[in-house]
C-alpha atoms as a PDB file:
ATOM      1  CA  MET A   1       4.537   3.713   3.721  1.00  0.00           C
ATOM      2  CA  PRO A   2       2.588   3.629   0.898  1.00  0.00           C
ATOM      3  CA  GLU A   3      -0.656   1.606   0.925  1.00  0.00           C
ATOM      4  CA  LEU A   4      -2.776   0.023  -1.215  1.00  0.00           C
ATOM      5  CA  PRO A   5      -4.484   3.775  -3.372  1.00  0.00           C
ATOM      6  CA  GLU A   6      -0.550   4.457  -3.734  1.00  0.00           C
ATOM      7  CA  VAL A   7       0.528   1.168  -4.924  1.00  0.00           C
ATOM      8  CA  GLU A   8      -2.364   0.727  -7.025  1.00  0.00           C
ATOM      9  CA  THR A   9      -1.899   4.535  -8.314  1.00  0.00           C
ATOM     10  CA  VAL A  10       1.463   3.412  -9.571  1.00  0.00           C
ATOM     11  CA  ARG A  11       0.310  -0.091 -11.115  1.00  0.00           C
ATOM     12  CA  ARG A  12      -2.398   1.877 -13.487  1.00  0.00           C
ATOM     13  CA  ALA A  13       0.517   4.216 -14.262  1.00  0.00           C
ATOM     14  CA  LEU A  14       2.605   0.661 -15.261  1.00  0.00           C
ATOM     15  CA  ALA A  15      -0.214  -0.294 -16.901  1.00  0.00           C
ATOM     16  CA  GLY A  16      -0.511   2.584 -19.150  1.00  0.00           C
ATOM     17  CA  LEU A  17       3.414   3.253 -19.946  1.00  0.00           C
ATOM     18  CA  VAL A  18       5.162   0.060 -19.665  1.00  0.00           C
ATOM     19  CA  VAL A  19       2.584  -3.359 -20.300  1.00  0.00           C
ATOM     20  CA  GLY A  20       3.899  -4.235 -23.772  1.00  0.00           C
ATOM     21  CA  ARG A  21       7.529  -3.143 -23.512  1.00  0.00           C
ATOM     22  CA  LYS A  22      10.398  -5.924 -23.523  1.00  0.00           C
ATOM     23  CA  VAL A  23      12.521  -5.433 -20.921  1.00  0.00           C
ATOM     24  CA  VAL A  24      16.784  -5.261 -22.193  1.00  0.00           C
ATOM     25  CA  LYS A  25      18.485  -5.345 -19.234  1.00  0.00           C
ATOM     26  CA  VAL A  26      18.248  -5.278 -15.519  1.00  0.00           C
ATOM     27  CA  ASP A  27      20.603  -3.377 -13.493  1.00  0.00           C
ATOM     28  CA  LEU A  28      21.121  -4.320  -9.231  1.00  0.00           C
ATOM     29  CA  LEU A  29      22.539  -1.094  -8.090  1.00  0.00           C
ATOM     30  CA  ARG A  30      22.847  -2.817  -4.506  1.00  0.00           C
ATOM     31  CA  GLU A  31      22.673  -7.036  -4.781  1.00  0.00           C
ATOM     32  CA  ASP A  32      21.639  -7.126  -1.363  1.00  0.00           C
ATOM     33  CA  TYR A  33      18.002  -5.447  -2.364  1.00  0.00           C
ATOM     34  CA  LEU A  34      17.372  -8.528  -4.737  1.00  0.00           C
ATOM     35  CA  ARG A  35      15.122 -10.820  -1.857  1.00  0.00           C
ATOM     36  CA  GLY A  36      15.804 -13.985  -4.277  1.00  0.00           C
ATOM     37  CA  GLY A  37      15.943 -15.244  -7.716  1.00  0.00           C
ATOM     38  CA  LYS A  38      18.975 -14.216  -8.927  1.00  0.00           C
ATOM     39  CA  GLU A  39      19.475 -17.278 -11.057  1.00  0.00           C
ATOM     40  CA  TRP A  40      16.099 -15.792 -13.810  1.00  0.00           C
ATOM     41  CA  LEU A  41      17.814 -12.594 -14.306  1.00  0.00           C
ATOM     42  CA  HIS A  42      19.617 -14.053 -17.301  1.00  0.00           C
ATOM     43  CA  ARG A  43      16.446 -14.858 -18.475  1.00  0.00           C
ATOM     44  CA  ILE A  44      14.717 -11.857 -18.878  1.00  0.00           C
ATOM     45  CA  HIS A  45      16.196 -10.075 -22.192  1.00  0.00           C
ATOM     46  CA  ASP A  46      13.337  -9.245 -24.588  1.00  0.00           C
ATOM     47  CA  ALA A  47      10.767 -10.961 -22.975  1.00  0.00           C
ATOM     48  CA  ARG A  48       7.700  -8.682 -22.668  1.00  0.00           C
ATOM     49  CA  ILE A  49       5.838  -6.972 -20.214  1.00  0.00           C
ATOM     50  CA  VAL A  50       2.307  -8.667 -20.344  1.00  0.00           C
ATOM     51  CA  ASP A  51       0.481  -7.440 -17.007  1.00  0.00           C
ATOM     52  CA  ALA A  52       0.778  -5.099 -13.994  1.00  0.00           C
ATOM     53  CA  ILE A  53      -0.560  -6.563 -10.881  1.00  0.00           C
ATOM     54  CA  ARG A  54      -1.530  -5.567  -7.142  1.00  0.00           C
ATOM     55  CA  ARG A  55      -1.937  -7.763  -4.094  1.00  0.00           C
ATOM     56  CA  GLY A  56      -2.208  -5.377  -1.090  1.00  0.00           C
ATOM     57  CA  LYS A  57       0.994  -3.513  -0.915  1.00  0.00           C
ATOM     58  CA  PHE A  58       2.599  -5.464  -3.232  1.00  0.00           C
ATOM     59  CA  LEU A  59       3.448  -5.043  -7.105  1.00  0.00           C
ATOM     60  CA  ALA A  60       4.302  -7.776  -9.373  1.00  0.00           C
ATOM     61  CA  LEU A  61       5.728  -7.568 -13.252  1.00  0.00           C
ATOM     62  CA  LEU A  62       4.419 -10.108 -15.318  1.00  0.00           C
ATOM     63  CA  LEU A  63       6.888 -11.124 -18.134  1.00  0.00           C
ATOM     64  CA  SER A  64       5.758 -12.948 -21.332  1.00  0.00           C
ATOM     65  CA  ASN A  65       8.678 -15.887 -20.454  1.00  0.00           C
ATOM     66  CA  GLU A  66       6.342 -16.778 -17.325  1.00  0.00           C
ATOM     67  CA  ILE A  67       9.307 -14.559 -15.166  1.00  0.00           C
ATOM     68  CA  VAL A  68       7.780 -12.185 -12.141  1.00  0.00           C
ATOM     69  CA  PHE A  69       9.312  -8.957 -11.011  1.00  0.00           C
ATOM     70  CA  LEU A  70       7.824  -8.535  -7.767  1.00  0.00           C
ATOM     71  CA  HIS A  71       8.393  -4.953  -5.522  1.00  0.00           C
ATOM     72  CA  HIS A  72       7.356  -3.771  -2.971  1.00  0.00           C
ATOM     73  CA  LEU A  73       8.179  -0.428  -1.829  1.00  0.00           C
ATOM     74  CA  GLY A  74       8.565  -0.605   2.280  1.00  0.00           C
ATOM     75  CA  MET A  75       8.437   2.614   3.943  1.00  0.00           C
ATOM     76  CA  SER A  76       9.921   5.054   1.742  1.00  0.00           C
ATOM     77  CA  GLY A  77      10.704   3.886  -1.439  1.00  0.00           C
ATOM     78  CA  ARG A  78       9.053   4.986  -4.859  1.00  0.00           C
ATOM     79  CA  LEU A  79       8.832   2.986  -8.433  1.00  0.00           C
ATOM     80  CA  LEU A  80       9.716   5.767 -10.917  1.00  0.00           C
ATOM     81  CA  TYR A  81       9.263   5.785 -14.584  1.00  0.00           C
ATOM     82  CA  VAL A  82      12.244   8.769 -15.329  1.00  0.00           C
ATOM     83  CA  PRO A  83      14.370   9.842 -18.728  1.00  0.00           C
ATOM     84  CA  ASN A  84      16.919   7.176 -19.561  1.00  0.00           C
ATOM     85  CA  GLU A  85      19.549  10.071 -19.086  1.00  0.00           C
ATOM     86  CA  MET A  86      18.564  11.413 -15.932  1.00  0.00           C
ATOM     87  CA  PRO A  87      21.404  11.201 -13.484  1.00  0.00           C
ATOM     88  CA  ILE A  88      20.481   8.358 -10.850  1.00  0.00           C
ATOM     89  CA  GLU A  89      20.217   9.319  -7.758  1.00  0.00           C
ATOM     90  CA  THR A  90      21.517   8.227  -3.947  1.00  0.00           C
ATOM     91  CA  HIS A  91      19.046   5.548  -2.742  1.00  0.00           C
ATOM     92  CA  VAL A  92      18.237   3.860  -6.203  1.00  0.00           C
ATOM     93  CA  HIS A  93      18.427   0.696  -5.919  1.00  0.00           C
ATOM     94  CA  LEU A  94      17.070  -0.930  -8.948  1.00  0.00           C
ATOM     95  CA  ARG A  95      16.829   0.349 -12.878  1.00  0.00           C
ATOM     96  CA  ILE A  96      15.176  -1.757 -15.319  1.00  0.00           C
ATOM     97  CA  ARG A  97      15.919  -0.697 -18.996  1.00  0.00           C
ATOM     98  CA  LEU A  98      12.951  -0.837 -21.470  1.00  0.00           C
ATOM     99  CA  ASP A  99      13.128  -1.405 -25.664  1.00  0.00           C
ATOM    100  CA  ALA A 100      12.733   1.461 -27.948  1.00  0.00           C
ATOM    101  CA  GLY A 101      12.143   4.244 -25.899  1.00  0.00           C
ATOM    102  CA  THR A 102      13.528   7.531 -23.294  1.00  0.00           C
ATOM    103  CA  HIS A 103      12.502   5.789 -20.515  1.00  0.00           C
ATOM    104  CA  GLU A 104      13.340   3.512 -17.489  1.00  0.00           C
ATOM    105  CA  LEU A 105      12.121   1.919 -14.346  1.00  0.00           C
ATOM    106  CA  ARG A 106      13.925   3.137 -10.747  1.00  0.00           C
ATOM    107  CA  GLN A 107      13.100   1.610  -7.282  1.00  0.00           C
ATOM    108  CA  TYR A 108      14.240   5.000  -5.384  1.00  0.00           C
ATOM    109  CA  ASP A 109      14.305   3.142  -1.070  1.00  0.00           C
ATOM    110  CA  PRO A 110      16.547   5.575   1.197  1.00  0.00           C
ATOM    111  CA  ARG A 111      15.469   3.133   3.697  1.00  0.00           C
ATOM    112  CA  ARG A 112      15.341  -0.349   2.404  1.00  0.00           C
ATOM    113  CA  PHE A 113      12.648  -1.422   4.209  1.00  0.00           C
ATOM    114  CA  GLY A 114      11.100  -2.123   0.352  1.00  0.00           C
ATOM    115  CA  PHE A 115      12.740  -5.198  -2.150  1.00  0.00           C
ATOM    116  CA  PHE A 116      12.812  -6.420  -5.392  1.00  0.00           C
ATOM    117  CA  ALA A 117      12.472 -10.293  -5.959  1.00  0.00           C
ATOM    118  CA  VAL A 118      12.318 -12.360  -9.422  1.00  0.00           C
ATOM    119  CA  MET A 119      11.017 -15.829  -9.773  1.00  0.00           C
ATOM    120  CA  GLN A 120       8.692 -18.159 -12.308  1.00  0.00           C
ATOM    121  CA  GLN A 121       4.931 -17.060 -12.010  1.00  0.00           C
ATOM    122  CA  ASN A 122       4.154 -20.572 -10.573  1.00  0.00           C
ATOM    123  CA  ASP A 123       6.232 -19.358  -7.589  1.00  0.00           C
ATOM    124  CA  LEU A 124       4.406 -16.239  -6.727  1.00  0.00           C
ATOM    125  CA  SER A 125       1.335 -17.743  -5.214  1.00  0.00           C
ATOM    126  CA  ARG A 126       3.888 -19.329  -2.815  1.00  0.00           C
ATOM    127  CA  PHE A 127       6.607 -16.557  -2.049  1.00  0.00           C
ATOM    128  CA  PRO A 128       5.856 -15.935   1.457  1.00  0.00           C
ATOM    129  CA  SER A 129       5.363 -12.312   1.423  1.00  0.00           C
ATOM    130  CA  TRP A 130       2.619 -12.384  -1.161  1.00  0.00           C
ATOM    131  CA  ALA A 131       1.381 -16.130   0.020  1.00  0.00           C
ATOM    132  CA  LEU A 132       0.619 -14.852   3.823  1.00  0.00           C
ATOM    133  CA  LEU A 133      -1.292 -11.784   2.489  1.00  0.00           C
ATOM    134  CA  GLY A 134      -5.166 -11.453   4.005  1.00  0.00           C
ATOM    135  CA  GLU A 135      -8.066 -10.967   1.789  1.00  0.00           C
ATOM    136  CA  GLU A 136      -8.731  -7.379  -0.271  1.00  0.00           C
ATOM    137  CA  PRO A 137     -10.293  -4.889   0.642  1.00  0.00           C
ATOM    138  CA  PHE A 138     -12.568  -4.495  -2.314  1.00  0.00           C
ATOM    139  CA  THR A 139     -13.368  -8.368  -2.965  1.00  0.00           C
ATOM    140  CA  ILE A 140     -13.944  -9.524   0.686  1.00  0.00           C
ATOM    141  CA  SER A 141     -17.712  -9.957   1.422  1.00  0.00           C
ATOM    142  CA  PRO A 142     -19.278  -7.857   4.019  1.00  0.00           C
ATOM    143  CA  SER A 143     -20.070 -11.398   6.366  1.00  0.00           C
ATOM    144  CA  ARG A 144     -16.695 -12.517   5.839  1.00  0.00           C
ATOM    145  CA  PHE A 145     -15.425  -9.335   6.972  1.00  0.00           C
ATOM    146  CA  ALA A 146     -17.484  -9.071   9.818  1.00  0.00           C
ATOM    147  CA  ALA A 147     -16.928 -12.505  10.652  1.00  0.00           C
ATOM    148  CA  LEU A 148     -13.240 -11.649  10.888  1.00  0.00           C
ATOM    149  CA  LEU A 149     -13.779  -9.934  14.036  1.00  0.00           C
ATOM    150  CA  THR A 150     -15.889 -12.043  15.466  1.00  0.00           C
ATOM    151  CA  GLU A 151     -14.221 -13.138  19.157  1.00  0.00           C
ATOM    152  CA  ARG A 152     -11.397 -10.750  18.470  1.00  0.00           C
ATOM    153  CA  THR A 153      -9.899  -9.108  21.632  1.00  0.00           C
ATOM    154  CA  ARG A 154      -7.220  -7.217  19.516  1.00  0.00           C
ATOM    155  CA  PRO A 155      -8.659  -3.244  19.250  1.00  0.00           C
ATOM    156  CA  ILE A 156     -10.017  -2.707  15.611  1.00  0.00           C
ATOM    157  CA  LYS A 157      -7.111  -0.247  14.478  1.00  0.00           C
ATOM    158  CA  SER A 158      -4.523  -2.835  14.986  1.00  0.00           C
ATOM    159  CA  LEU A 159      -6.619  -5.672  13.339  1.00  0.00           C
ATOM    160  CA  LEU A 160      -7.021  -3.603  10.543  1.00  0.00           C
ATOM    161  CA  LEU A 161      -3.287  -3.168  10.137  1.00  0.00           C
ATOM    162  CA  ASP A 162      -2.465  -6.938  10.457  1.00  0.00           C
ATOM    163  CA  GLN A 163      -1.444  -7.744   6.443  1.00  0.00           C
ATOM    164  CA  HIS A 164      -2.416 -11.613   7.112  1.00  0.00           C
ATOM    165  CA  VAL A 165      -6.481 -10.238   7.976  1.00  0.00           C
ATOM    166  CA  LEU A 166      -6.628  -7.915   5.464  1.00  0.00           C
ATOM    167  CA  ALA A 167      -4.061  -6.933   2.523  1.00  0.00           C
ATOM    168  CA  GLY A 168      -3.355  -3.216   1.717  1.00  0.00           C
ATOM    169  CA  LEU A 169      -4.734  -0.559   4.791  1.00  0.00           C
ATOM    170  CA  GLY A 170      -1.709   1.467   6.434  1.00  0.00           C
ATOM    171  CA  ASN A 171      -2.384   3.843   9.211  1.00  0.00           C
ATOM    172  CA  ILE A 172      -3.279   6.597   7.174  1.00  0.00           C
ATOM    173  CA  TYR A 173      -6.827   4.823   5.491  1.00  0.00           C
ATOM    174  CA  ALA A 174      -7.538   2.637   8.718  1.00  0.00           C
ATOM    175  CA  ASP A 175      -7.574   5.850  10.634  1.00  0.00           C
ATOM    176  CA  GLU A 176     -10.102   7.378   8.067  1.00  0.00           C
ATOM    177  CA  SER A 177     -12.006   4.839   7.619  1.00  0.00           C
ATOM    178  CA  LEU A 178     -12.808   4.387  11.800  1.00  0.00           C
ATOM    179  CA  PHE A 179     -13.226   8.130  11.481  1.00  0.00           C
ATOM    180  CA  ARG A 180     -15.969   7.927   8.503  1.00  0.00           C
ATOM    181  CA  ALA A 181     -17.616   4.783  10.071  1.00  0.00           C
ATOM    182  CA  ARG A 182     -17.712   6.265  13.770  1.00  0.00           C
ATOM    183  CA  ILE A 183     -15.614   3.465  15.821  1.00  0.00           C
ATOM    184  CA  HIS A 184     -12.646   4.544  18.053  1.00  0.00           C
ATOM    185  CA  PRO A 185     -10.020   2.622  16.758  1.00  0.00           C
ATOM    186  CA  ALA A 186      -9.034   1.515  20.253  1.00  0.00           C
ATOM    187  CA  ARG A 187     -13.041  -0.923  20.752  1.00  0.00           C
ATOM    188  CA  PRO A 188     -11.773  -4.143  21.010  1.00  0.00           C
ATOM    189  CA  ALA A 189     -12.699  -6.022  17.549  1.00  0.00           C
ATOM    190  CA  GLY A 190     -15.118  -8.464  18.633  1.00  0.00           C
ATOM    191  CA  THR A 191     -17.312  -5.940  20.045  1.00  0.00           C
ATOM    192  CA  ILE A 192     -18.457  -4.681  16.603  1.00  0.00           C
ATOM    193  CA  THR A 193     -21.375  -6.216  15.608  1.00  0.00           C
ATOM    194  CA  HIS A 194     -22.438  -7.285  12.034  1.00  0.00           C
ATOM    195  CA  LYS A 195     -24.500  -4.182  11.187  1.00  0.00           C
ATOM    196  CA  GLU A 196     -21.052  -1.845  11.934  1.00  0.00           C
ATOM    197  CA  ALA A 197     -18.656  -4.137  10.557  1.00  0.00           C
ATOM    198  CA  ALA A 198     -20.710  -3.485   7.513  1.00  0.00           C
ATOM    199  CA  THR A 199     -20.660   0.220   7.462  1.00  0.00           C
ATOM    200  CA  LEU A 200     -16.819  -0.291   8.413  1.00  0.00           C
ATOM    201  CA  LEU A 201     -16.504  -2.406   4.832  1.00  0.00           C
ATOM    202  CA  ARG A 202     -18.236   0.377   3.140  1.00  0.00           C
ATOM    203  CA  ASN A 203     -16.403   3.355   4.730  1.00  0.00           C
ATOM    204  CA  ILE A 204     -12.598   1.259   4.062  1.00  0.00           C
ATOM    205  CA  ARG A 205     -13.700   0.642  -0.158  1.00  0.00           C
ATOM    206  CA  ASN A 206     -15.406   4.572  -0.018  1.00  0.00           C
ATOM    207  CA  VAL A 207     -11.783   5.803   1.534  1.00  0.00           C
ATOM    208  CA  LEU A 208     -10.035   3.423  -0.889  1.00  0.00           C
ATOM    209  CA  LYS A 209     -11.281   4.750  -4.209  1.00  0.00           C
ATOM    210  CA  GLU A 210     -11.382   8.173  -3.023  1.00  0.00           C
ATOM    211  CA  ALA A 211      -7.376   7.913  -2.566  1.00  0.00           C
ATOM    212  CA  ILE A 212      -7.050   6.191  -5.471  1.00  0.00           C
ATOM    213  CA  ARG A 213      -9.029   8.668  -7.278  1.00  0.00           C
ATOM    214  CA  TYR A 214      -6.881  11.538  -6.171  1.00  0.00           C
ATOM    215  CA  GLY A 215      -3.312   9.958  -6.867  1.00  0.00           C
ATOM    216  CA  GLY A 216      -2.855   8.710  -3.443  1.00  0.00           C
ATOM    217  CA  THR A 217      -1.179  10.564  -0.212  1.00  0.00           C
ATOM    218  CA  SER A 218       2.036  12.342  -0.724  1.00  0.00           C
ATOM    219  CA  THR A 219       2.434  13.120   3.040  1.00  0.00           C
ATOM    220  CA  ASN A 220       6.390  12.125   3.617  1.00  0.00           C
ATOM    221  CA  ASP A 221       7.954  10.050   0.797  1.00  0.00           C
ATOM    222  CA  TYR A 222       5.254   8.813  -1.547  1.00  0.00           C
ATOM    223  CA  ARG A 223       5.005   9.798  -5.230  1.00  0.00           C
ATOM    224  CA  LYS A 224       3.705   8.489  -8.399  1.00  0.00           C
ATOM    225  CA  LEU A 225       5.267   6.927 -10.975  1.00  0.00           C
ATOM    226  CA  ASP A 226       6.280   9.927 -12.737  1.00  0.00           C
ATOM    227  CA  GLY A 227       7.729  11.540  -9.779  1.00  0.00           C
ATOM    228  CA  THR A 228       4.622  13.733  -8.882  1.00  0.00           C
ATOM    229  CA  LEU A 229       2.612  13.991  -5.724  1.00  0.00           C
ATOM    230  CA  GLY A 230      -0.783  12.679  -4.755  1.00  0.00           C
ATOM    231  CA  ASP A 231      -3.449  14.751  -3.547  1.00  0.00           C
ATOM    232  CA  PHE A 232      -5.236  13.555  -1.286  1.00  0.00           C
ATOM    233  CA  GLN A 233      -3.400  14.527   1.321  1.00  0.00           C
ATOM    234  CA  ASN A 234      -5.678  17.752   0.988  1.00  0.00           C
ATOM    235  CA  LEU A 235      -8.818  15.519   1.896  1.00  0.00           C
ATOM    236  CA  LEU A 236      -7.707  13.608   4.992  1.00  0.00           C
ATOM    237  CA  ARG A 237     -10.201  14.089   7.986  1.00  0.00           C
ATOM    238  CA  VAL A 238      -8.050  12.940  11.328  1.00  0.00           C
ATOM    239  CA  TYR A 239      -4.939  11.294   9.739  1.00  0.00           C
ATOM    240  CA  GLY A 240      -1.762  14.031  10.561  1.00  0.00           C
ATOM    241  CA  ARG A 241      -4.523  16.429  12.198  1.00  0.00           C
ATOM    242  CA  GLU A 242      -3.594  15.980  15.782  1.00  0.00           C
ATOM    243  CA  GLY A 243      -4.993  19.077  17.358  1.00  0.00           C
ATOM    244  CA  LYS A 244      -6.904  20.703  14.638  1.00  0.00           C
ATOM    245  CA  SER A 245     -10.967  20.707  14.364  1.00  0.00           C
ATOM    246  CA  CYS A 246     -12.730  17.571  13.703  1.00  0.00           C
ATOM    247  CA  LYS A 247     -14.289  18.717   9.954  1.00  0.00           C
ATOM    248  CA  ARG A 248     -17.342  17.061  11.731  1.00  0.00           C
ATOM    249  CA  CYS A 249     -18.218  18.427  15.099  1.00  0.00           C
ATOM    250  CA  GLY A 250     -15.173  20.734  16.009  1.00  0.00           C
ATOM    251  CA  ASN A 251     -13.397  19.385  18.657  1.00  0.00           C
ATOM    252  CA  ALA A 252      -9.800  18.602  18.607  1.00  0.00           C
ATOM    253  CA  ILE A 253      -8.071  15.449  17.008  1.00  0.00           C
ATOM    254  CA  ILE A 254      -6.357  13.438  18.942  1.00  0.00           C
ATOM    255  CA  ARG A 255      -3.228  11.318  18.413  1.00  0.00           C
ATOM    256  CA  ARG A 256      -2.593   8.225  20.779  1.00  0.00           C
ATOM    257  CA  VAL A 257      -0.189   5.641  20.599  1.00  0.00           C
ATOM    258  CA  LEU A 258      -1.880   2.158  20.217  1.00  0.00           C
ATOM    259  CA  GLY A 259       0.096  -0.504  19.711  1.00  0.00           C
ATOM    260  CA  GLY A 260       3.297   0.900  18.666  1.00  0.00           C
ATOM    261  CA  ARG A 261       1.392   2.965  16.204  1.00  0.00           C
ATOM    262  CA  SER A 262       0.196   6.169  15.985  1.00  0.00           C
ATOM    263  CA  ALA A 263      -3.809   6.595  15.956  1.00  0.00           C
ATOM    264  CA  HIS A 264      -5.962   9.684  15.051  1.00  0.00           C
ATOM    265  CA  PHE A 265      -9.345  10.014  16.026  1.00  0.00           C
ATOM    266  CA  CYS A 266     -11.909  12.358  17.189  1.00  0.00           C
ATOM    267  CA  PRO A 267     -13.068  11.447  20.765  1.00  0.00           C
ATOM    268  CA  VAL A 268     -16.515  12.490  20.393  1.00  0.00           C
ATOM    269  CA  CYS A 269     -17.052  11.355  17.049  1.00  0.00           C
ATOM    270  CA  GLN A 270     -15.713   8.082  17.686  1.00  0.00           C
ATOM    271  CA  PRO A 271     -16.967   7.255  21.203  1.00  0.00           C
ATOM    272  CA  SER A 272     -14.144   5.836  23.526  1.00  0.00           C
ATOM    273  CA  PHE A 273     -14.089   2.190  25.093  1.00  0.00           C
ATOM    274  CA  ASP A 274     -11.353   3.851  27.589  1.00  0.00           C
ATOM    275  CA  ALA A 275      -8.379   1.763  25.991  1.00  0.00           C
ATOM    276  CA  ILE A 276      -6.825   4.514  25.122  1.00  0.00           C
ATOM    277  CA  PRO A 277      -7.182   7.654  27.674  1.00  0.00           C
ATOM    278  CA  THR A 278      -8.540  10.979  26.280  1.00  0.00           C
END
């Protein structure tokens, strides 16, 4: 699933390529891909895109007529800026035609866990998928982050993946951040000290910033807005490296299932709390 760095990479590209452009037409190639707002589609003709914003793993395009396009890429989705004449691939469910140009936006999603929604701007903050998101890693304070962990019995990896707690992290960047902070993914969140929480938050931010700088991680389906690969997969230290040597100590990286999700870690650099057999 595209995580915060991938979505932010797409957002920045959108800001440079489509902000200021007018929407000419929206073509839904699958009616069931629209998660609400069909009644607003008749209002979008010649509305100008005035901003592209991100919240967690969600993208929103704000239009000049107070309408919002909300995009979620799900597990395998891509938002692409492609030539108008390019043949429409299987699994393209949405086309957004733009004025005075040779390119359009297309949303591609083979597994269809993503969606597109249209609404008025004042309804965005009440849209469930957006409204229930937790705090952003770049804006939450260290004290607030530490407070979110207090008295929690859930494994810290599971808590970091909870979008209602912290918005934007997924498997890749939770694993990478915990490795850098030397925290075992199965450690109960409530046992993490304020000092360790501050270290973890700093490493979360550093990992996310680096991943954004390298255009995100293309291990499976993710592509940037222009269809090219991100490069952060070449810098991963634990995620997807099961059985390979730890880049810090040389021991083998382990993969275990934790709360139904994979967790990659170094058993030496990240001391075990015996929640996962090693």
